[in-house]
């Protein structure tokens, strides 16, 4: 195996290993080309990539949901009625209460 083939193989293997460890963007602009070399030439290619990420996150939340629902249909009454059956028709009551609490969310990589 020639030196050029060894370097190419090492670069490809390093790229595959690096792509699994580093994001693709870190290797996108990295290249090394050795060309135009002749007999007894010495070639080298050195690529260094360094990446450091430090993420600190602290979350705290206190949620108090107090809901009081009081509904009525209009205060209908039927007092002081004489001589017969008394009937009162009132409207329907519908109540919807929705509470959503989204806290302590993180989108860190």
PDB file of N, CA and C in Angstrom:
ATOM      1  N   UNK A   1       0.850  -1.179   0.000  1.00  0.00           N
ATOM      2  CA  UNK A   1       0.000   0.000   0.000  1.00  0.00           C
ATOM      3  C   UNK A   1       0.892   1.238   0.000  1.00  0.00           C
ATOM      4  N   UNK A   2       0.652   2.147  -0.912  1.00  0.00           N
ATOM      5  CA  UNK A   2       1.480   3.342  -1.012  1.00  0.00           C
ATOM      6  C   UNK A   2       1.140   4.320   0.094  1.00  0.00           C
ATOM      7  N   UNK A   3       2.042   5.279   0.301  1.00  0.00           N
ATOM      8  CA  UNK A   3       1.836   6.291   1.329  1.00  0.00           C
ATOM      9  C   UNK A   3       0.574   7.092   1.066  1.00  0.00           C
ATOM     10  N   UNK A   4       0.337   7.409  -0.187  1.00  0.00           N
ATOM     11  CA  UNK A   4      -0.864   8.173  -0.553  1.00  0.00           C
ATOM     12  C   UNK A   4      -2.127   7.391  -0.208  1.00  0.00           C
ATOM     13  N   UNK A   5      -2.124   6.110  -0.480  1.00  0.00           N
ATOM     14  CA  UNK A   5      -3.280   5.268  -0.145  1.00  0.00           C
ATOM     15  C   UNK A   5      -3.464   5.148   1.356  1.00  0.00           C
ATOM     16  N   UNK A   6      -2.346   5.045   2.093  1.00  0.00           N
ATOM     17  CA  UNK A   6      -2.450   4.963   3.547  1.00  0.00           C
ATOM     18  C   UNK A   6      -3.038   6.238   4.141  1.00  0.00           C
ATOM     19  N   UNK A   7      -2.576   7.371   3.629  1.00  0.00           N
ATOM     20  CA  UNK A   7      -3.096   8.651   4.135  1.00  0.00           C
ATOM     21  C   UNK A   7      -4.578   8.781   3.811  1.00  0.00           C
ATOM     22  N   UNK A   8      -4.944   8.422   2.590  1.00  0.00           N
ATOM     23  CA  UNK A   8      -6.352   8.495   2.187  1.00  0.00           C
ATOM     24  C   UNK A   8      -7.204   7.575   3.042  1.00  0.00           C
ATOM     25  N   UNK A   9      -6.722   6.366   3.295  1.00  0.00           N
ATOM     26  CA  UNK A   9      -7.447   5.412   4.132  1.00  0.00           C
ATOM     27  C   UNK A   9      -7.580   5.940   5.553  1.00  0.00           C
ATOM     28  N   UNK A  10      -6.501   6.513   6.082  1.00  0.00           N
ATOM     29  CA  UNK A  10      -6.548   7.064   7.441  1.00  0.00           C
ATOM     30  C   UNK A  10      -7.530   8.225   7.523  1.00  0.00           C
ATOM     31  N   UNK A  11      -7.526   9.090   6.498  1.00  0.00           N
ATOM     32  CA  UNK A  11      -8.462  10.222   6.498  1.00  0.00           C
ATOM     33  C   UNK A  11      -9.909   9.753   6.427  1.00  0.00           C
ATOM     34  N   UNK A  12     -10.168   8.769   5.602  1.00  0.00           N
ATOM     35  CA  UNK A  12     -11.536   8.249   5.482  1.00  0.00           C
ATOM     36  C   UNK A  12     -11.963   7.589   6.783  1.00  0.00           C
ATOM     37  N   UNK A  13     -11.105   6.770   7.355  1.00  0.00           N
ATOM     38  CA  UNK A  13     -11.445   6.112   8.619  1.00  0.00           C
ATOM     39  C   UNK A  13     -11.639   7.140   9.720  1.00  0.00           C
ATOM     40  N   UNK A  14     -10.758   8.146   9.765  1.00  0.00           N
ATOM     41  CA  UNK A  14     -10.900   9.197  10.771  1.00  0.00           C
ATOM     42  C   UNK A  14     -12.167   9.995  10.580  1.00  0.00           C
ATOM     43  N   UNK A  15     -12.546  10.242   9.331  1.00  0.00           N
ATOM     44  CA  UNK A  15     -13.782  10.967   9.054  1.00  0.00           C
ATOM     45  C   UNK A  15     -14.995  10.182   9.500  1.00  0.00           C
ATOM     46  N   UNK A  16     -14.979   8.883   9.274  1.00  0.00           N
ATOM     47  CA  UNK A  16     -16.112   8.044   9.692  1.00  0.00           C
ATOM     48  C   UNK A  16     -16.224   8.029  11.210  1.00  0.00           C
ATOM     49  N   UNK A  17     -15.108   7.843  11.892  1.00  0.00           N
ATOM     50  CA  UNK A  17     -15.125   7.858  13.358  1.00  0.00           C
ATOM     51  C   UNK A  17     -15.522   9.238  13.865  1.00  0.00           C
ATOM     52  N   UNK A  18     -14.951  10.275  13.269  1.00  0.00           N
ATOM     53  CA  UNK A  18     -15.267  11.638  13.688  1.00  0.00           C
ATOM     54  C   UNK A  18     -16.715  11.993  13.450  1.00  0.00           C
ATOM     55  N   UNK A  19     -17.288  11.515  12.357  1.00  0.00           N
ATOM     56  CA  UNK A  19     -18.687  11.827  12.052  1.00  0.00           C
ATOM     57  C   UNK A  19     -19.637  11.210  13.059  1.00  0.00           C
ATOM     58  N   UNK A  20     -19.230  10.107  13.685  1.00  0.00           N
ATOM     59  CA  UNK A  20     -20.092   9.514  14.693  1.00  0.00           C
ATOM     60  C   UNK A  20     -19.959  10.225  16.032  1.00  0.00           C
ATOM     61  N   UNK A  21     -18.847  10.907  16.251  1.00  0.00           N
ATOM     62  CA  UNK A  21     -18.612  11.591  17.524  1.00  0.00           C
ATOM     63  C   UNK A  21     -18.933  13.075  17.434  1.00  0.00           C
ATOM     64  N   UNK A  22     -18.549  13.709  16.346  1.00  0.00           N
ATOM     65  CA  UNK A  22     -18.748  15.145  16.172  1.00  0.00           C
ATOM     66  C   UNK A  22     -19.893  15.397  15.209  1.00  0.00           C
ATOM     67  N   UNK A  23     -20.533  16.535  15.313  1.00  0.00           N
ATOM     68  CA  UNK A  23     -21.575  16.860  14.348  1.00  0.00           C
ATOM     69  C   UNK A  23     -20.986  17.015  12.951  1.00  0.00           C
ATOM     70  N   UNK A  24     -21.799  16.837  11.943  1.00  0.00           N
ATOM     71  CA  UNK A  24     -21.346  16.913  10.556  1.00  0.00           C
ATOM     72  C   UNK A  24     -20.783  18.288  10.226  1.00  0.00           C
ATOM     73  N   UNK A  25     -21.288  19.323  10.851  1.00  0.00           N
ATOM     74  CA  UNK A  25     -20.823  20.683  10.569  1.00  0.00           C
ATOM     75  C   UNK A  25     -19.350  20.857  10.943  1.00  0.00           C
ATOM     76  N   UNK A  26     -18.873  20.124  11.926  1.00  0.00           N
ATOM     77  CA  UNK A  26     -17.490  20.266  12.358  1.00  0.00           C
ATOM     78  C   UNK A  26     -16.531  19.732  11.304  1.00  0.00           C
ATOM     79  N   UNK A  27     -16.954  18.755  10.521  1.00  0.00           N
ATOM     80  CA  UNK A  27     -16.086  18.163   9.503  1.00  0.00           C
ATOM     81  C   UNK A  27     -16.375  18.695   8.106  1.00  0.00           C
ATOM     82  N   UNK A  28     -17.362  19.534   7.957  1.00  0.00           N
ATOM     83  CA  UNK A  28     -17.794  19.966   6.631  1.00  0.00           C
ATOM     84  C   UNK A  28     -16.712  20.751   5.900  1.00  0.00           C
ATOM     85  N   UNK A  29     -15.963  21.619   6.581  1.00  0.00           N
ATOM     86  CA  UNK A  29     -14.961  22.450   5.924  1.00  0.00           C
ATOM     87  C   UNK A  29     -13.547  21.929   6.132  1.00  0.00           C
ATOM     88  N   UNK A  30     -13.373  20.706   6.529  1.00  0.00           N
ATOM     89  CA  UNK A  30     -12.061  20.143   6.809  1.00  0.00           C
ATOM     90  C   UNK A  30     -11.652  19.238   5.661  1.00  0.00           C
ATOM     91  N   UNK A  31     -10.510  19.560   5.047  1.00  0.00           N
ATOM     92  CA  UNK A  31     -10.014  18.698   3.990  1.00  0.00           C
ATOM     93  C   UNK A  31      -8.495  18.807   3.924  1.00  0.00           C
ATOM     94  N   UNK A  32      -7.886  17.784   3.359  1.00  0.00           N
ATOM     95  CA  UNK A  32      -6.448  17.763   3.169  1.00  0.00           C
ATOM     96  C   UNK A  32      -6.184  17.013   1.871  1.00  0.00           C
ATOM     97  N   UNK A  33      -5.488  17.655   0.948  1.00  0.00           N
ATOM     98  CA  UNK A  33      -5.210  17.026  -0.342  1.00  0.00           C
ATOM     99  C   UNK A  33      -3.705  16.984  -0.574  1.00  0.00           C
ATOM    100  N   UNK A  34      -3.233  15.805  -0.907  1.00  0.00           N
ATOM    101  CA  UNK A  34      -1.827  15.642  -1.271  1.00  0.00           C
ATOM    102  C   UNK A  34      -1.813  15.203  -2.726  1.00  0.00           C
ATOM    103  N   UNK A  35      -1.193  16.024  -3.567  1.00  0.00           N
ATOM    104  CA  UNK A  35      -1.139  15.689  -4.979  1.00  0.00           C
ATOM    105  C   UNK A  35       0.161  16.211  -5.582  1.00  0.00           C
ATOM    106  N   UNK A  36       0.504  15.729  -6.758  1.00  0.00           N
ATOM    107  CA  UNK A  36       1.703  16.184  -7.448  1.00  0.00           C
ATOM    108  C   UNK A  36       2.997  15.727  -6.800  1.00  0.00           C
ATOM    109  N   UNK A  37       2.955  14.713  -5.982  1.00  0.00           N
ATOM    110  CA  UNK A  37       4.169  14.235  -5.335  1.00  0.00           C
ATOM    111  C   UNK A  37       4.847  13.191  -6.214  1.00  0.00           C
ATOM    112  N   UNK A  38       6.139  13.053  -6.036  1.00  0.00           N
ATOM    113  CA  UNK A  38       6.900  12.120  -6.853  1.00  0.00           C
ATOM    114  C   UNK A  38       7.625  11.107  -5.998  1.00  0.00           C
ATOM    115  N   UNK A  39       8.551  10.450  -6.634  1.00  0.00           N
ATOM    116  CA  UNK A  39       9.325   9.420  -5.946  1.00  0.00           C
ATOM    117  C   UNK A  39      10.103  10.033  -4.795  1.00  0.00           C
ATOM    118  N   UNK A  40      10.183   9.341  -3.704  1.00  0.00           N
ATOM    119  CA  UNK A  40      10.909   9.718  -2.493  1.00  0.00           C
ATOM    120  C   UNK A  40      10.364  11.003  -1.842  1.00  0.00           C
ATOM    121  N   UNK A  41       9.158  11.349  -2.135  1.00  0.00           N
ATOM    122  CA  UNK A  41       8.594  12.547  -1.496  1.00  0.00           C
ATOM    123  C   UNK A  41       8.006  12.160  -0.142  1.00  0.00           C
ATOM    124  N   UNK A  42       7.967  13.129   0.731  1.00  0.00           N
ATOM    125  CA  UNK A  42       7.387  12.916   2.062  1.00  0.00           C
ATOM    126  C   UNK A  42       6.183  13.837   2.195  1.00  0.00           C
ATOM    127  N   UNK A  43       5.094  13.259   2.607  1.00  0.00           N
ATOM    128  CA  UNK A  43       3.856  14.020   2.724  1.00  0.00           C
ATOM    129  C   UNK A  43       3.263  13.811   4.108  1.00  0.00           C
ATOM    130  N   UNK A  44       2.633  14.817   4.577  1.00  0.00           N
ATOM    131  CA  UNK A  44       1.906  14.657   5.844  1.00  0.00           C
ATOM    132  C   UNK A  44       0.669  15.545   5.804  1.00  0.00           C
ATOM    133  N   UNK A  45      -0.247  15.179   6.578  1.00  0.00           N
ATOM    134  CA  UNK A  45      -1.492  15.930   6.661  1.00  0.00           C
ATOM    135  C   UNK A  45      -1.944  15.858   8.113  1.00  0.00           C
ATOM    136  N   UNK A  46      -2.107  16.995   8.736  1.00  0.00           N
ATOM    137  CA  UNK A  46      -2.514  17.024  10.137  1.00  0.00           C
ATOM    138  C   UNK A  46      -3.794  17.841  10.241  1.00  0.00           C
ATOM    139  N   UNK A  47      -4.780  17.241  10.823  1.00  0.00           N
ATOM    140  CA  UNK A  47      -6.062  17.914  11.047  1.00  0.00           C
ATOM    141  C   UNK A  47      -6.393  17.793  12.524  1.00  0.00           C
ATOM    142  N   UNK A  48      -6.632  18.918  13.118  1.00  0.00           N
ATOM    143  CA  UNK A  48      -7.027  18.918  14.528  1.00  0.00           C
ATOM    144  C   UNK A  48      -8.385  19.589  14.653  1.00  0.00           C
ATOM    145  N   UNK A  49      -9.264  18.916  15.329  1.00  0.00           N
ATOM    146  CA  UNK A  49     -10.600  19.461  15.581  1.00  0.00           C
ATOM    147  C   UNK A  49     -10.825  19.407  17.082  1.00  0.00           C
ATOM    148  N   UNK A  50     -11.179  20.526  17.624  1.00  0.00           N
ATOM    149  CA  UNK A  50     -11.431  20.592  19.053  1.00  0.00           C
ATOM    150  C   UNK A  50     -12.808  21.216  19.277  1.00  0.00           C
ATOM    151  N   UNK A  51     -13.561  20.617  20.139  1.00  0.00           N
ATOM    152  CA  UNK A  51     -14.898  21.132  20.433  1.00  0.00           C
ATOM    153  C   UNK A  51     -15.173  20.931  21.911  1.00  0.00           C
ATOM    154  N   UNK A  52     -15.660  21.978  22.529  1.00  0.00           N
ATOM    155  CA  UNK A  52     -16.000  21.900  23.940  1.00  0.00           C
ATOM    156  C   UNK A  52     -17.379  22.507  24.142  1.00  0.00           C
ATOM    157  N   UNK A  53     -18.204  21.809  24.841  1.00  0.00           N
ATOM    158  CA  UNK A  53     -19.554  22.289  25.118  1.00  0.00           C
ATOM    159  C   UNK A  53     -19.809  22.151  26.608  1.00  0.00           C
ATOM    160  N   UNK A  54     -20.248  23.245  27.204  1.00  0.00           N
ATOM    161  CA  UNK A  54     -20.597  23.205  28.624  1.00  0.00           C
ATOM    162  C   UNK A  54     -22.003  23.769  28.762  1.00  0.00           C
ATOM    163  N   UNK A  55     -22.860  22.982  29.311  1.00  0.00           N
ATOM    164  CA  UNK A  55     -24.246  23.402  29.500  1.00  0.00           C
ATOM    165  C   UNK A  55     -24.597  23.245  30.969  1.00  0.00           C
ATOM    166  N   UNK A  56     -25.055  24.333  31.536  1.00  0.00           N
ATOM    167  CA  UNK A  56     -25.556  24.295  32.915  1.00  0.00           C
ATOM    168  C   UNK A  56     -26.998  24.755  32.869  1.00  0.00           C
ATOM    169  N   UNK A  57     -27.840  24.002  33.504  1.00  0.00           N
ATOM    170  CA  UNK A  57     -29.250  24.352  33.506  1.00  0.00           C
ATOM    171  C   UNK A  57     -29.820  24.090  34.888  1.00  0.00           C
ATOM    172  N   UNK A  58     -30.596  25.027  35.335  1.00  0.00           N
ATOM    173  CA  UNK A  58     -31.259  24.885  36.619  1.00  0.00           C
ATOM    174  C   UNK A  58     -32.707  25.319  36.442  1.00  0.00           C
ATOM    175  N   UNK A  59     -33.607  24.501  36.887  1.00  0.00           N
ATOM    176  CA  UNK A  59     -35.033  24.799  36.745  1.00  0.00           C
ATOM    177  C   UNK A  59     -35.716  24.759  38.104  1.00  0.00           C
ATOM    178  N   UNK A  60     -36.629  25.669  38.265  1.00  0.00           N
ATOM    179  CA  UNK A  60     -37.445  25.679  39.472  1.00  0.00           C
ATOM    180  C   UNK A  60     -38.795  26.264  39.100  1.00  0.00           C
ATOM    181  N   UNK A  61     -39.828  25.688  39.618  1.00  0.00           N
ATOM    182  CA  UNK A  61     -41.151  26.234  39.323  1.00  0.00           C
ATOM    183  C   UNK A  61     -42.104  25.943  40.471  1.00  0.00           C
ATOM    184  N   UNK A  62     -43.002  26.862  40.661  1.00  0.00           N
ATOM    185  CA  UNK A  62     -44.083  26.701  41.622  1.00  0.00           C
ATOM    186  C   UNK A  62     -45.368  27.075  40.905  1.00  0.00           C
ATOM    187  N   UNK A  63     -46.294  26.182  40.897  1.00  0.00           N
ATOM    188  CA  UNK A  63     -47.554  26.428  40.199  1.00  0.00           C
ATOM    189  C   UNK A  63     -48.702  26.227  41.180  1.00  0.00           C
ATOM    190  N   UNK A  64     -49.555  27.210  41.199  1.00  0.00           N
ATOM    191  CA  UNK A  64     -50.784  27.107  41.981  1.00  0.00           C
ATOM    192  C   UNK A  64     -51.945  27.462  41.054  1.00  0.00           C
ATOM    193  N   UNK A  65     -52.756  26.497  40.775  1.00  0.00           N
ATOM    194  CA  UNK A  65     -53.943  26.734  39.959  1.00  0.00           C
ATOM    195  C   UNK A  65     -55.162  26.645  40.874  1.00  0.00           C
ATOM    196  N   UNK A  66     -55.819  27.735  41.011  1.00  0.00           N
ATOM    197  CA  UNK A  66     -57.051  27.756  41.804  1.00  0.00           C
ATOM    198  C   UNK A  66     -58.186  28.165  40.883  1.00  0.00           C
ATOM    199  N   UNK A  67     -59.142  27.279  40.747  1.00  0.00           N
ATOM    200  CA  UNK A  67     -60.247  27.521  39.838  1.00  0.00           C
ATOM    201  C   UNK A  67     -61.543  27.407  40.622  1.00  0.00           C
ATOM    202  N   UNK A  68     -62.372  28.405  40.470  1.00  0.00           N
ATOM    203  CA  UNK A  68     -63.688  28.380  41.078  1.00  0.00           C
ATOM    204  C   UNK A  68     -64.700  28.658  39.975  1.00  0.00           C
ATOM    205  N   UNK A  69     -65.634  27.774  39.809  1.00  0.00           N
ATOM    206  CA  UNK A  69     -66.644  27.924  38.770  1.00  0.00           C
ATOM    207  C   UNK A  69     -68.007  27.950  39.436  1.00  0.00           C
ATOM    208  N   UNK A  70     -68.763  29.006  39.172  1.00  0.00           N
ATOM    209  CA  UNK A  70     -70.118  29.146  39.703  1.00  0.00           C
ATOM    210  C   UNK A  70     -71.023  29.522  38.545  1.00  0.00           C
ATOM    211  N   UNK A  71     -71.947  28.668  38.250  1.00  0.00           N
ATOM    212  CA  UNK A  71     -72.855  28.927  37.139  1.00  0.00           C
ATOM    213  C   UNK A  71     -74.295  28.834  37.620  1.00  0.00           C
ATOM    214  N   UNK A  72     -75.128  29.628  37.006  1.00  0.00           N
ATOM    215  CA  UNK A  72     -76.544  29.414  37.227  1.00  0.00           C
ATOM    216  C   UNK A  72     -77.326  29.813  35.990  1.00  0.00           C
ATOM    217  N   UNK A  73     -78.575  29.367  35.949  1.00  0.00           N
ATOM    218  CA  UNK A  73     -79.356  29.512  34.729  1.00  0.00           C
ATOM    219  C   UNK A  73     -80.299  30.698  34.761  1.00  0.00           C
ATOM    220  N   UNK A  74     -80.230  31.522  35.758  1.00  0.00           N
ATOM    221  CA  UNK A  74     -81.058  32.718  35.723  1.00  0.00           C
ATOM    222  C   UNK A  74     -81.894  32.968  36.957  1.00  0.00           C
ATOM    223  N   UNK A  75     -81.792  32.179  37.979  1.00  0.00           N
ATOM    224  CA  UNK A  75     -82.523  32.437  39.222  1.00  0.00           C
ATOM    225  C   UNK A  75     -84.035  32.357  39.069  1.00  0.00           C
ATOM    226  N   UNK A  76     -84.519  31.368  38.399  1.00  0.00           N
ATOM    227  CA  UNK A  76     -85.960  31.222  38.197  1.00  0.00           C
ATOM    228  C   UNK A  76     -86.632  30.746  39.486  1.00  0.00           C
ATOM    229  N   UNK A  77     -87.776  31.289  39.780  1.00  0.00           N
ATOM    230  CA  UNK A  77     -88.534  30.874  40.967  1.00  0.00           C
ATOM    231  C   UNK A  77     -90.000  30.706  40.594  1.00  0.00           C
ATOM    232  N   UNK A  78     -90.699  29.974  41.434  1.00  0.00           N
ATOM    233  CA  UNK A  78     -92.151  29.781  41.253  1.00  0.00           C
ATOM    234  C   UNK A  78     -92.782  29.772  42.627  1.00  0.00           C
ATOM    235  N   UNK A  79     -92.945  30.919  43.200  1.00  0.00           N
ATOM    236  CA  UNK A  79     -93.546  31.031  44.524  1.00  0.00           C
ATOM    237  C   UNK A  79     -94.932  31.671  44.406  1.00  0.00           C
ATOM    238  N   UNK A  80     -95.712  31.431  45.419  1.00  0.00           N
ATOM    239  CA  UNK A  80     -97.064  32.012  45.534  1.00  0.00           C
ATOM    240  C   UNK A  80     -97.953  31.640  44.358  1.00  0.00           C
ATOM    241  N   UNK A  81     -97.859  30.443  43.905  1.00  0.00           N
ATOM    242  CA  UNK A  81     -98.721  29.971  42.827  1.00  0.00           C
ATOM    243  C   UNK A  81     -99.879  29.192  43.444  1.00  0.00           C
ATOM    244  N   UNK A  82    -101.031  29.452  42.977  1.00  0.00           N
ATOM    245  CA  UNK A  82    -102.195  28.754  43.504  1.00  0.00           C
ATOM    246  C   UNK A  82    -102.931  28.081  42.368  1.00  0.00           C
ATOM    247  N   UNK A  83    -103.579  27.019  42.737  1.00  0.00           N
ATOM    248  CA  UNK A  83    -104.503  26.381  41.815  1.00  0.00           C
ATOM    249  C   UNK A  83    -103.867  25.621  40.672  1.00  0.00           C
ATOM    250  N   UNK A  84    -102.934  24.787  40.919  1.00  0.00           N
ATOM    251  CA  UNK A  84    -102.469  23.959  39.818  1.00  0.00           C
ATOM    252  C   UNK A  84    -101.006  23.598  39.895  1.00  0.00           C
ATOM    253  N   UNK A  85    -100.614  22.883  38.902  1.00  0.00           N
ATOM    254  CA  UNK A  85     -99.210  22.474  38.818  1.00  0.00           C
ATOM    255  C   UNK A  85     -98.361  23.641  38.313  1.00  0.00           C
ATOM    256  N   UNK A  86     -97.184  23.740  38.866  1.00  0.00           N
ATOM    257  CA  UNK A  86     -96.262  24.788  38.462  1.00  0.00           C
ATOM    258  C   UNK A  86     -95.069  24.124  37.771  1.00  0.00           C
ATOM    259  N   UNK A  87     -94.664  24.646  36.658  1.00  0.00           N
ATOM    260  CA  UNK A  87     -93.532  24.100  35.914  1.00  0.00           C
ATOM    261  C   UNK A  87     -92.622  25.245  35.483  1.00  0.00           C
ATOM    262  N   UNK A  88     -91.343  25.039  35.648  1.00  0.00           N
ATOM    263  CA  UNK A  88     -90.353  26.027  35.219  1.00  0.00           C
ATOM    264  C   UNK A  88     -89.331  25.306  34.352  1.00  0.00           C
ATOM    265  N   UNK A  89     -89.090  25.873  33.211  1.00  0.00           N
ATOM    266  CA  UNK A  89     -88.044  25.337  32.335  1.00  0.00           C
ATOM    267  C   UNK A  89     -86.888  26.323  32.327  1.00  0.00           C
ATOM    268  N   UNK A  90     -85.707  25.803  32.631  1.00  0.00           N
ATOM    269  CA  UNK A  90     -84.534  26.677  32.650  1.00  0.00           C
ATOM    270  C   UNK A  90     -83.576  26.246  31.553  1.00  0.00           C
ATOM    271  N   UNK A  91     -82.619  27.097  31.249  1.00  0.00           N
ATOM    272  CA  UNK A  91     -81.629  26.780  30.223  1.00  0.00           C
ATOM    273  C   UNK A  91     -80.563  25.831  30.732  1.00  0.00           C
ATOM    274  N   UNK A  92     -79.848  25.264  29.794  1.00  0.00           N
ATOM    275  CA  UNK A  92     -78.751  24.358  30.134  1.00  0.00           C
ATOM    276  C   UNK A  92     -77.533  25.154  30.582  1.00  0.00           C
ATOM    277  N   UNK A  93     -76.713  24.515  31.366  1.00  0.00           N
ATOM    278  CA  UNK A  93     -75.463  25.121  31.812  1.00  0.00           C
ATOM    279  C   UNK A  93     -74.313  24.269  31.279  1.00  0.00           C
ATOM    280  N   UNK A  94     -73.352  24.941  30.615  1.00  0.00           N
ATOM    281  CA  UNK A  94     -72.147  24.268  30.111  1.00  0.00           C
ATOM    282  C   UNK A  94     -70.937  25.034  30.625  1.00  0.00           C
ATOM    283  N   UNK A  95     -70.018  24.300  31.184  1.00  0.00           N
ATOM    284  CA  UNK A  95     -68.793  24.921  31.690  1.00  0.00           C
ATOM    285  C   UNK A  95     -67.601  24.118  31.178  1.00  0.00           C
ATOM    286  N   UNK A  96     -66.610  24.822  30.598  1.00  0.00           N
ATOM    287  CA  UNK A  96     -65.361  24.205  30.174  1.00  0.00           C
ATOM    288  C   UNK A  96     -64.218  24.945  30.853  1.00  0.00           C
ATOM    289  N   UNK A  97     -63.366  24.206  31.532  1.00  0.00           N
ATOM    290  CA  UNK A  97     -62.186  24.789  32.158  1.00  0.00           C
ATOM    291  C   UNK A  97     -60.977  23.991  31.678  1.00  0.00           C
ATOM    292  N   UNK A  98     -59.994  24.707  31.152  1.00  0.00           N
ATOM    293  CA  UNK A  98     -58.760  24.065  30.696  1.00  0.00           C
ATOM    294  C   UNK A  98     -57.579  24.788  31.321  1.00  0.00           C
ATOM    295  N   UNK A  99     -56.716  24.034  31.947  1.00  0.00           N
ATOM    296  CA  UNK A  99     -55.499  24.595  32.533  1.00  0.00           C
ATOM    297  C   UNK A  99     -54.320  23.830  31.945  1.00  0.00           C
ATOM    298  N   UNK A 100     -53.351  24.556  31.421  1.00  0.00           N
ATOM    299  CA  UNK A 100     -52.143  23.958  30.881  1.00  0.00           C
ATOM    300  C   UNK A 100     -50.942  24.625  31.517  1.00  0.00           C
ATOM    301  N   UNK A 101     -50.087  23.853  32.132  1.00  0.00           N
ATOM    302  CA  UNK A 101     -48.862  24.357  32.736  1.00  0.00           C
ATOM    303  C   UNK A 101     -47.672  23.681  32.065  1.00  0.00           C
ATOM    304  N   UNK A 102     -46.883  24.453  31.336  1.00  0.00           N
ATOM    305  CA  UNK A 102     -45.656  23.939  30.712  1.00  0.00           C
ATOM    306  C   UNK A 102     -44.481  24.601  31.403  1.00  0.00           C
ATOM    307  N   UNK A 103     -43.708  23.833  32.135  1.00  0.00           N
ATOM    308  CA  UNK A 103     -42.576  24.393  32.865  1.00  0.00           C
ATOM    309  C   UNK A 103     -41.361  23.482  32.723  1.00  0.00           C
ATOM    310  N   UNK A 104     -40.206  24.052  33.044  1.00  0.00           N
ATOM    311  CA  UNK A 104     -38.940  23.316  33.102  1.00  0.00           C
ATOM    312  C   UNK A 104     -38.665  22.541  31.821  1.00  0.00           C
ATOM    313  N   UNK A 105     -38.702  23.225  30.713  1.00  0.00           N
ATOM    314  CA  UNK A 105     -38.430  22.603  29.433  1.00  0.00           C
ATOM    315  C   UNK A 105     -37.043  22.992  28.955  1.00  0.00           C
ATOM    316  N   UNK A 106     -36.386  22.077  28.284  1.00  0.00           N
ATOM    317  CA  UNK A 106     -35.042  22.330  27.794  1.00  0.00           C
ATOM    318  C   UNK A 106     -34.915  21.841  26.363  1.00  0.00           C
ATOM    319  N   UNK A 107     -34.259  22.643  25.531  1.00  0.00           N
ATOM    320  CA  UNK A 107     -33.973  22.247  24.170  1.00  0.00           C
ATOM    321  C   UNK A 107     -32.475  22.162  23.913  1.00  0.00           C
ATOM    322  N   UNK A 108     -31.710  21.877  24.921  1.00  0.00           N
ATOM    323  CA  UNK A 108     -30.259  21.776  24.786  1.00  0.00           C
ATOM    324  C   UNK A 108     -29.910  20.522  23.993  1.00  0.00           C
ATOM    325  N   UNK A 109     -28.832  20.599  23.240  1.00  0.00           N
ATOM    326  CA  UNK A 109     -28.427  19.414  22.459  1.00  0.00           C
ATOM    327  C   UNK A 109     -27.964  18.285  23.348  1.00  0.00           C
TER     328      UNK A 109
END
